[in-house]
Amino acid sequence: MSSPDSPSRPYPPPAGTRVSGWLVMMLVGLSLALLYRQFFWYTPLHNPFARARAVTPRGDLAEDEKSTIELFREASPSVVHINTLAVGANPITHQAGVVPAGTGSGIIWDTDGHIVSNLHVIEDAQFALVTLYDNTSWEAKLVGYDKISDIVVLKIDAPVQVLKPIAVGESSNLLVGQKVFAIGNPFEIDQTLTTGVIGGLNRKIATRHGSVSGVIQTDAAINPGNSGGPLLDSAGRLIGINAAIRTESGGSNGIGFAIPVDLVNVVVPDLIKDGEVSRPWLGVVVDENVSVAGIPLEGLLVHGVMRHSPAERAGIQATRDIRPGSRILGDLLLQLDGKPLQRISDLLDLLARKLPGETVTLLVRRGSTLVDITVTLEERPDGM
């Protein structure tokens, strides 16, 4: 115990007094921060006299932009939107009725109301509605289709004044690198333009019923809903019918395919006239990738010539046996109208672009001699 003469020892202030002091300091600091935000942070950034920026004059459009705009303006009224319907069960009520089946694009072929598209656009449907550029919709009737080329012709009873046929070009003289333009209705978005170039020619694509060769490859974006729409050259002419994309995601990966217009221009008139395609007949049986003594032979070797066929009438010769173990090789078909024949599909594709009654010239190697043979094609007989 301390004596009265011991110096006094100071005691710490109560805890409550120390906490209150810190609280006051925090409140003062917060108040200063709020005052700073109010008077020094926001206020200098506000300007009551702010106005919209003056517009910088653009000047004239570039020439290629003008041509693209004009191309779309001219061609888009010839492109239609196709919605297909089928009889099915309502997923909610499970009652039978008409349900949407799919969507695609098409082109106006003539002022009679014929619409050209891909067969696969309408194949699973019982009804189809065609919407024109003026947003009027018309019930379509089936005229005819060709499974081999995946082409279908529909017909609508629309007034002539709203039917603008598309300008038709050619596909035999296309070059890789040419500019192309696709118009269609991807994802049901009407009248959409995409641009690109021809990335390849003479491609082959699979269809539901086989394959189509001589196809145009392009990097113009082609997405679901573009099928049946036009691929145009820089003059706004139809050079192909957009048919397919190569994708792993379901969208455009930069590779699209179009059926060449030269094939379309052969198939469509037949479909309008007869509802089916009249294909020409040559009447030969040929082999490809043939070699003799390990040496590959160029062209297609004629293995057989059918009786009473155009080939027989033209004097084309087939391989024939002269004695057991010995034979004379038939003609080697090298070209048809100047186009090389390396595969059987080459011959079939070139014939598919011809009509019965047309004359073609075959370049043939007969032994060691080159011979030009003129053949008049005929309509394919039933069962052939």
Protein backbone atom coordinates (compact mmCIF):
# COMPACT_ATOMS: atom_id res chain seq x y z
CA MET A 1 0.00 0.00 0.00
CA SER A 2 1.41 3.40 -1.02
CA SER A 3 2.26 5.95 1.57
CA PRO A 4 0.74 9.42 1.44
CA ASP A 5 4.07 10.80 0.34
CA SER A 6 4.36 8.42 -2.70
CA PRO A 7 3.99 10.13 -6.10
CA SER A 8 0.56 9.56 -7.65
CA ARG A 9 0.42 7.13 -10.66
CA PRO A 10 -1.77 8.31 -13.58
CA TYR A 11 -4.64 6.00 -14.53
CA PRO A 12 -5.75 5.41 -18.17
CA PRO A 13 -8.95 7.14 -19.22
CA PRO A 14 -12.08 5.03 -19.30
CA ALA A 15 -12.43 2.78 -22.35
CA GLY A 16 -15.63 4.46 -23.41
CA THR A 17 -13.86 7.83 -23.75
CA ARG A 18 -11.20 6.36 -26.12
CA VAL A 19 -13.83 4.70 -28.42
CA SER A 20 -15.84 7.93 -28.62
CA GLY A 21 -12.75 9.85 -29.75
CA TRP A 22 -12.04 7.40 -32.60
CA LEU A 23 -15.68 7.55 -33.65
CA VAL A 24 -15.56 11.34 -33.82
CA MET A 25 -12.43 11.19 -35.97
CA MET A 26 -14.03 8.69 -38.37
CA LEU A 27 -17.15 10.80 -38.70
CA VAL A 28 -15.09 13.91 -39.38
CA GLY A 29 -13.05 12.06 -42.04
CA LEU A 30 -16.19 10.72 -43.73
CA SER A 31 -17.72 14.20 -43.73
CA LEU A 32 -14.60 15.62 -45.37
CA ALA A 33 -14.65 12.87 -48.01
CA LEU A 34 -18.30 13.57 -48.81
CA LEU A 35 -17.60 17.29 -49.05
CA TYR A 36 -14.70 16.58 -51.42
CA ARG A 37 -16.87 14.35 -53.64
CA GLN A 38 -19.58 16.96 -53.69
CA PHE A 39 -17.53 20.05 -54.43
CA PHE A 40 -14.29 18.82 -55.99
CA TRP A 41 -15.07 15.48 -57.72
CA TYR A 42 -18.43 15.74 -59.51
CA THR A 43 -19.08 19.40 -59.85
CA PRO A 44 -16.13 20.28 -62.12
CA LEU A 45 -17.18 17.46 -64.61
CA HIS A 46 -20.70 18.78 -65.13
CA ASN A 47 -21.25 21.32 -67.89
CA PRO A 48 -24.76 22.73 -68.26
CA PHE A 49 -23.84 24.05 -71.70
CA ALA A 50 -23.03 20.62 -73.24
CA ARG A 51 -24.34 20.20 -76.78
CA ALA A 52 -24.31 17.48 -79.48
CA ARG A 53 -21.16 17.34 -81.58
CA ALA A 54 -21.25 18.92 -85.02
CA VAL A 55 -21.60 16.31 -87.77
CA THR A 56 -18.54 15.92 -90.00
CA PRO A 57 -19.62 15.88 -93.65
CA ARG A 58 -19.16 12.37 -95.02
CA GLY A 59 -18.72 13.12 -98.67
CA ASP A 60 -19.85 10.81 -101.45
CA LEU A 61 -20.09 7.04 -101.08
CA ALA A 62 -17.29 4.93 -102.52
CA GLU A 63 -18.01 3.55 -105.99
CA ASP A 64 -18.08 -0.06 -104.81
CA GLU A 65 -20.55 0.89 -102.07
CA LYS A 66 -22.80 2.58 -104.62
CA SER A 67 -22.74 -0.46 -106.86
CA THR A 68 -23.56 -2.81 -103.97
CA ILE A 69 -26.43 -0.61 -102.83
CA GLU A 70 -27.81 -0.45 -106.36
CA LEU A 71 -27.40 -4.21 -106.80
CA PHE A 72 -29.43 -4.90 -103.66
CA ARG A 73 -32.06 -2.35 -104.64
CA GLU A 74 -32.50 -3.99 -108.03
CA ALA A 75 -32.30 -7.65 -107.01
CA SER A 76 -34.07 -7.80 -103.63
CA PRO A 77 -37.63 -7.50 -105.06
CA SER A 78 -36.92 -10.77 -106.89
CA VAL A 79 -36.18 -12.65 -103.64
CA VAL A 80 -38.99 -14.24 -101.63
CA HIS A 81 -39.36 -15.70 -98.14
CA ILE A 82 -40.83 -19.22 -97.98
CA ASN A 83 -42.55 -20.51 -94.84
CA THR A 84 -43.63 -24.13 -94.86
CA LEU A 85 -46.38 -25.78 -92.85
CA ALA A 86 -47.12 -29.42 -92.09
CA VAL A 87 -49.89 -31.39 -90.46
CA GLY A 88 -48.78 -32.42 -86.99
CA ALA A 89 -49.66 -32.53 -83.32
CA ASN A 90 -49.71 -29.40 -81.18
CA PRO A 91 -46.97 -29.94 -78.56
CA ILE A 92 -49.22 -28.54 -75.80
CA THR A 93 -52.71 -29.80 -76.63
CA HIS A 94 -51.52 -32.87 -78.61
CA GLN A 95 -54.32 -32.17 -81.08
CA ALA A 96 -53.71 -32.50 -84.81
CA GLY A 97 -53.36 -29.29 -86.74
CA VAL A 98 -51.13 -27.25 -89.01
CA VAL A 99 -47.72 -26.52 -87.49
CA PRO A 100 -44.65 -24.68 -88.85
CA ALA A 101 -42.27 -27.00 -90.71
CA GLY A 102 -39.44 -24.75 -91.82
CA THR A 103 -38.35 -21.63 -93.61
CA GLY A 104 -36.20 -20.72 -96.58
CA SER A 105 -35.75 -18.40 -99.52
CA GLY A 106 -36.57 -18.44 -103.20
CA ILE A 107 -36.47 -16.37 -106.37
CA ILE A 108 -39.12 -15.10 -108.76
CA TRP A 109 -38.46 -16.86 -112.06
CA ASP A 110 -41.04 -15.21 -114.33
CA THR A 111 -44.16 -13.05 -114.39
CA ASP A 112 -46.36 -16.17 -114.41
CA GLY A 113 -45.66 -16.52 -110.68
CA HIS A 114 -43.15 -19.38 -110.79
CA ILE A 115 -40.88 -19.48 -107.74
CA VAL A 116 -37.61 -21.45 -107.74
CA SER A 117 -36.05 -22.79 -104.55
CA ASN A 118 -34.31 -25.86 -103.14
CA LEU A 119 -36.35 -29.04 -102.87
CA HIS A 120 -35.14 -29.57 -99.29
CA VAL A 121 -36.79 -26.27 -98.26
CA ILE A 122 -40.31 -27.65 -98.84
CA GLU A 123 -39.78 -31.42 -98.86
CA ASP A 124 -41.20 -32.08 -95.38
CA ALA A 125 -44.20 -29.75 -95.77
CA GLN A 126 -47.76 -30.01 -97.00
CA PHE A 127 -48.29 -26.26 -97.44
CA ALA A 128 -46.07 -23.33 -98.32
CA LEU A 129 -46.56 -19.57 -98.05
CA VAL A 130 -44.48 -17.22 -100.19
CA THR A 131 -43.92 -13.69 -98.89
CA LEU A 132 -42.90 -11.06 -101.43
CA TYR A 133 -40.80 -7.95 -100.88
CA ASP A 134 -43.99 -5.90 -100.33
CA ASN A 135 -44.86 -8.18 -97.36
CA THR A 136 -47.85 -9.77 -99.08
CA SER A 137 -48.12 -13.54 -98.62
CA TRP A 138 -49.42 -16.02 -101.17
CA GLU A 139 -50.26 -19.70 -100.95
CA ALA A 140 -47.92 -21.68 -103.17
CA LYS A 141 -48.72 -24.68 -105.32
CA LEU A 142 -46.19 -27.36 -106.26
CA VAL A 143 -45.32 -27.41 -109.97
CA GLY A 144 -42.49 -29.94 -109.99
CA TYR A 145 -39.17 -30.93 -108.49
CA ASP A 146 -35.92 -32.64 -109.37
CA LYS A 147 -34.30 -34.73 -106.65
CA ILE A 148 -30.96 -34.97 -108.42
CA SER A 149 -30.36 -31.21 -108.57
CA ASP A 150 -32.36 -30.38 -105.38
CA ILE A 151 -34.47 -27.87 -107.35
CA VAL A 152 -38.21 -27.22 -106.88
CA VAL A 153 -40.64 -24.95 -108.73
CA LEU A 154 -43.67 -23.48 -106.96
CA LYS A 155 -46.38 -21.18 -108.31
CA ILE A 156 -48.27 -18.29 -106.74
CA ASP A 157 -51.25 -16.37 -108.16
CA ALA A 158 -49.87 -12.90 -107.46
CA PRO A 159 -50.52 -9.89 -109.72
CA VAL A 160 -47.97 -9.33 -112.48
CA GLN A 161 -47.08 -5.88 -111.12
CA VAL A 162 -45.58 -7.36 -107.93
CA LEU A 163 -43.64 -10.09 -109.73
CA LYS A 164 -40.12 -9.02 -110.70
CA PRO A 165 -38.19 -11.91 -112.29
CA ILE A 166 -34.54 -12.13 -111.36
CA ALA A 167 -31.89 -11.45 -114.00
CA VAL A 168 -30.30 -14.74 -115.09
CA GLY A 169 -26.57 -15.03 -115.73
CA GLU A 170 -24.25 -17.95 -116.48
CA SER A 171 -21.92 -20.11 -114.42
CA SER A 172 -19.70 -21.76 -117.03
CA ASN A 173 -17.23 -18.85 -117.15
CA LEU A 174 -16.94 -18.03 -113.44
CA LEU A 175 -13.51 -17.48 -111.90
CA VAL A 176 -12.23 -18.01 -108.37
CA GLY A 177 -11.93 -14.61 -106.72
CA GLN A 178 -14.99 -13.01 -108.36
CA LYS A 179 -17.18 -10.95 -106.05
CA VAL A 180 -20.53 -12.52 -105.22
CA PHE A 181 -23.62 -11.43 -103.30
CA ALA A 182 -26.18 -13.57 -101.48
CA ILE A 183 -29.69 -12.37 -100.62
CA GLY A 184 -32.04 -14.38 -98.45
CA ASN A 185 -33.83 -14.77 -95.16
CA PRO A 186 -31.37 -16.25 -92.66
CA PHE A 187 -32.97 -17.06 -89.30
CA GLU A 188 -36.24 -15.60 -90.72
CA ILE A 189 -34.70 -12.11 -91.01
CA ASP A 190 -36.09 -10.83 -94.31
CA GLN A 191 -34.06 -9.39 -97.17
CA THR A 192 -30.54 -9.85 -95.81
CA LEU A 193 -27.49 -9.17 -97.99
CA THR A 194 -24.10 -10.82 -97.50
CA THR A 195 -21.04 -10.45 -99.68
CA GLY A 196 -17.94 -12.47 -100.49
CA VAL A 197 -16.00 -14.06 -103.31
CA ILE A 198 -16.02 -17.32 -105.21
CA GLY A 199 -13.71 -19.57 -103.22
CA GLY A 200 -13.84 -22.62 -105.47
CA LEU A 201 -15.56 -24.18 -108.46
CA ASN A 202 -16.73 -27.65 -109.46
CA ARG A 203 -17.32 -28.74 -105.88
CA LYS A 204 -19.54 -31.68 -104.96
CA ILE A 205 -22.13 -31.61 -102.18
CA ALA A 206 -24.33 -34.29 -100.70
CA THR A 207 -28.12 -33.96 -100.80
CA ARG A 208 -30.88 -36.06 -99.32
CA HIS A 209 -31.13 -37.99 -102.57
CA GLY A 210 -27.54 -38.22 -103.74
CA SER A 211 -25.10 -35.51 -104.69
CA VAL A 212 -24.73 -32.49 -106.95
CA SER A 213 -21.45 -31.73 -108.72
CA GLY A 214 -20.18 -28.60 -110.42
CA VAL A 215 -21.20 -26.58 -107.36
CA ILE A 216 -19.96 -23.04 -106.61
CA GLN A 217 -18.14 -22.49 -103.31
CA THR A 218 -18.31 -19.05 -101.68
CA ASP A 219 -17.41 -17.32 -98.43
CA ALA A 220 -20.49 -15.08 -98.58
CA ALA A 221 -22.30 -15.92 -95.35
CA ILE A 222 -25.02 -18.52 -95.99
CA ASN A 223 -27.00 -19.48 -92.90
CA PRO A 224 -30.15 -21.52 -92.19
CA GLY A 225 -32.95 -19.77 -94.10
CA ASN A 226 -30.69 -18.74 -97.01
CA SER A 227 -31.37 -22.00 -98.84
CA GLY A 228 -33.12 -21.39 -102.14
CA GLY A 229 -32.01 -17.77 -102.37
CA PRO A 230 -29.84 -16.32 -105.12
CA LEU A 231 -26.10 -16.04 -105.44
CA LEU A 232 -25.43 -13.04 -107.69
CA ASP A 233 -22.44 -11.76 -109.61
CA SER A 234 -21.37 -8.11 -109.50
CA ALA A 235 -23.78 -7.34 -112.36
CA GLY A 236 -26.70 -8.52 -110.20
CA ARG A 237 -27.28 -11.64 -112.31
CA LEU A 238 -28.21 -15.02 -110.89
CA ILE A 239 -25.22 -17.38 -111.01
CA GLY A 240 -26.38 -19.96 -108.45
CA ILE A 241 -29.01 -21.09 -105.98
CA ASN A 242 -27.65 -21.12 -102.42
CA ALA A 243 -28.07 -24.65 -101.18
CA ALA A 244 -25.82 -25.63 -98.28
CA ILE A 245 -23.14 -24.69 -95.79
CA ARG A 246 -20.29 -26.71 -94.35
CA THR A 247 -20.40 -26.18 -90.62
CA GLU A 248 -19.85 -27.86 -87.29
CA SER A 249 -21.70 -25.23 -85.28
CA GLY A 250 -24.89 -24.88 -87.34
CA GLY A 251 -23.92 -21.41 -88.58
CA SER A 252 -21.80 -20.05 -91.38
CA ASN A 253 -18.12 -20.95 -91.08
CA GLY A 254 -17.14 -19.20 -94.28
CA ILE A 255 -17.90 -22.05 -96.69
CA GLY A 256 -21.19 -22.04 -98.54
CA PHE A 257 -22.32 -23.78 -101.72
CA ALA A 258 -24.62 -22.82 -104.57
CA ILE A 259 -26.10 -24.92 -107.38
CA PRO A 260 -24.82 -23.41 -110.68
CA VAL A 261 -27.33 -21.45 -112.73
CA ASP A 262 -26.45 -23.32 -115.93
CA LEU A 263 -27.93 -26.44 -114.33
CA VAL A 264 -30.89 -24.51 -112.91
CA ASN A 265 -31.64 -23.04 -116.35
CA VAL A 266 -31.89 -26.54 -117.80
CA VAL A 267 -33.95 -28.08 -115.00
CA VAL A 268 -36.51 -25.31 -114.36
CA PRO A 269 -38.04 -25.12 -117.87
CA ASP A 270 -38.60 -28.88 -117.85
CA LEU A 271 -40.26 -28.68 -114.44
CA ILE A 272 -42.55 -25.88 -115.61
CA LYS A 273 -43.46 -27.78 -118.81
CA ASP A 274 -43.82 -31.33 -117.49
CA GLY A 275 -43.29 -31.35 -113.72
CA GLU A 276 -40.21 -33.51 -114.19
CA VAL A 277 -36.84 -33.30 -115.86
CA SER A 278 -36.22 -34.82 -119.27
CA ARG A 279 -32.60 -35.91 -119.11
CA PRO A 280 -30.52 -36.68 -122.20
CA TRP A 281 -29.07 -40.10 -122.90
CA LEU A 282 -25.69 -40.96 -124.39
CA GLY A 283 -25.87 -44.72 -123.99
CA VAL A 284 -22.38 -45.73 -122.86
CA VAL A 285 -21.02 -47.73 -119.95
CA VAL A 286 -17.67 -46.29 -118.88
CA ASP A 287 -14.92 -47.03 -116.37
CA GLU A 288 -12.69 -44.50 -114.61
CA ASN A 289 -9.16 -44.86 -113.18
CA VAL A 290 -8.29 -47.56 -115.71
CA SER A 291 -4.68 -48.67 -116.20
CA VAL A 292 -2.95 -51.06 -118.59
CA ALA A 293 0.25 -52.83 -117.47
CA GLY A 294 0.35 -50.47 -114.51
CA ILE A 295 0.15 -47.37 -116.72
CA PRO A 296 -2.92 -45.20 -115.96
CA LEU A 297 -5.09 -44.27 -118.92
CA GLU A 298 -6.38 -40.76 -119.38
CA GLY A 299 -10.13 -40.22 -119.62
CA LEU A 300 -13.08 -42.62 -119.35
CA LEU A 301 -12.79 -46.03 -120.98
CA VAL A 302 -15.90 -47.10 -122.91
CA HIS A 303 -16.69 -50.55 -121.59
CA GLY A 304 -20.03 -50.93 -123.38
CA VAL A 305 -22.28 -49.21 -125.92
CA MET A 306 -26.05 -49.74 -125.64
CA ARG A 307 -28.01 -50.81 -128.69
CA HIS A 308 -29.98 -48.14 -130.56
CA SER A 309 -28.35 -45.46 -128.42
CA PRO A 310 -26.96 -42.07 -129.53
CA ALA A 311 -23.44 -43.43 -128.85
CA GLU A 312 -24.03 -46.42 -131.14
CA ARG A 313 -25.39 -44.18 -133.89
CA ALA A 314 -22.35 -41.92 -133.58
CA GLY A 315 -19.96 -44.87 -133.92
CA ILE A 316 -18.42 -44.89 -130.46
CA GLN A 317 -16.54 -48.15 -129.94
CA ALA A 318 -16.53 -50.29 -126.80
CA THR A 319 -13.92 -52.67 -125.45
CA ARG A 320 -14.26 -56.06 -127.14
CA ASP A 321 -12.72 -59.50 -126.75
CA ILE A 322 -11.08 -60.87 -129.89
CA ARG A 323 -9.99 -64.19 -128.42
CA PRO A 324 -9.65 -65.68 -124.95
CA GLY A 325 -7.30 -63.58 -122.87
CA SER A 326 -6.99 -60.88 -125.50
CA ARG A 327 -9.07 -57.79 -126.12
CA ILE A 328 -9.09 -54.46 -127.91
CA LEU A 329 -9.67 -51.47 -125.67
CA GLY A 330 -12.61 -49.25 -126.49
CA ASP A 331 -12.58 -45.50 -126.99
CA LEU A 332 -11.24 -43.26 -124.25
CA LEU A 333 -13.56 -40.28 -123.73
CA LEU A 334 -11.28 -37.31 -123.01
CA GLN A 335 -13.54 -34.26 -123.35
CA LEU A 336 -17.16 -33.29 -123.90
CA ASP A 337 -17.54 -29.92 -125.61
CA GLY A 338 -14.03 -29.03 -124.52
CA LYS A 339 -14.58 -29.94 -120.83
CA PRO A 340 -12.27 -32.64 -119.44
CA LEU A 341 -13.65 -36.04 -118.46
CA GLN A 342 -11.70 -37.56 -115.58
CA ARG A 343 -14.50 -39.13 -113.54
CA ILE A 344 -17.87 -40.67 -114.35
CA SER A 345 -19.47 -37.81 -112.40
CA ASP A 346 -17.87 -35.34 -114.85
CA LEU A 347 -19.74 -36.96 -117.73
CA LEU A 348 -23.02 -37.10 -115.80
CA ASP A 349 -22.75 -33.48 -114.69
CA LEU A 350 -22.07 -32.20 -118.19
CA LEU A 351 -24.92 -34.26 -119.64
CA ALA A 352 -27.25 -32.93 -116.93
CA ARG A 353 -26.76 -29.44 -118.40
CA LYS A 354 -27.83 -30.59 -121.86
CA LEU A 355 -31.24 -31.19 -123.39
CA PRO A 356 -32.47 -34.04 -125.58
CA GLY A 357 -31.90 -33.07 -129.21
CA GLU A 358 -28.74 -31.09 -128.49
CA THR A 359 -25.51 -31.97 -130.26
CA VAL A 360 -22.28 -32.47 -128.34
CA THR A 361 -18.71 -33.11 -129.45
CA LEU A 362 -16.65 -35.83 -127.78
CA LEU A 363 -12.86 -35.84 -128.01
CA VAL A 364 -11.94 -39.52 -128.13
CA ARG A 365 -8.63 -41.40 -128.13
CA ARG A 366 -8.97 -44.46 -130.35
CA GLY A 367 -5.77 -46.42 -130.17
CA SER A 368 -3.10 -43.80 -130.77
CA THR A 369 -5.40 -41.41 -132.67
CA LEU A 370 -7.43 -38.48 -131.40
CA VAL A 371 -10.90 -38.27 -132.94
CA ASP A 372 -13.74 -35.73 -132.62
CA ILE A 373 -17.10 -37.47 -132.60
CA THR A 374 -20.38 -35.56 -132.87
CA VAL A 375 -23.31 -37.07 -130.96
CA THR A 376 -26.96 -35.99 -131.02
CA LEU A 377 -28.39 -36.62 -127.55
CA GLU A 378 -31.78 -38.25 -127.14
CA GLU A 379 -34.29 -38.44 -124.32
CA ARG A 380 -33.47 -41.12 -121.80
CA PRO A 381 -35.73 -44.16 -122.32
CA ASP A 382 -37.90 -45.35 -119.47
CA GLY A 383 -36.03 -47.64 -117.13
CA MET A 384 -32.60 -46.34 -118.12
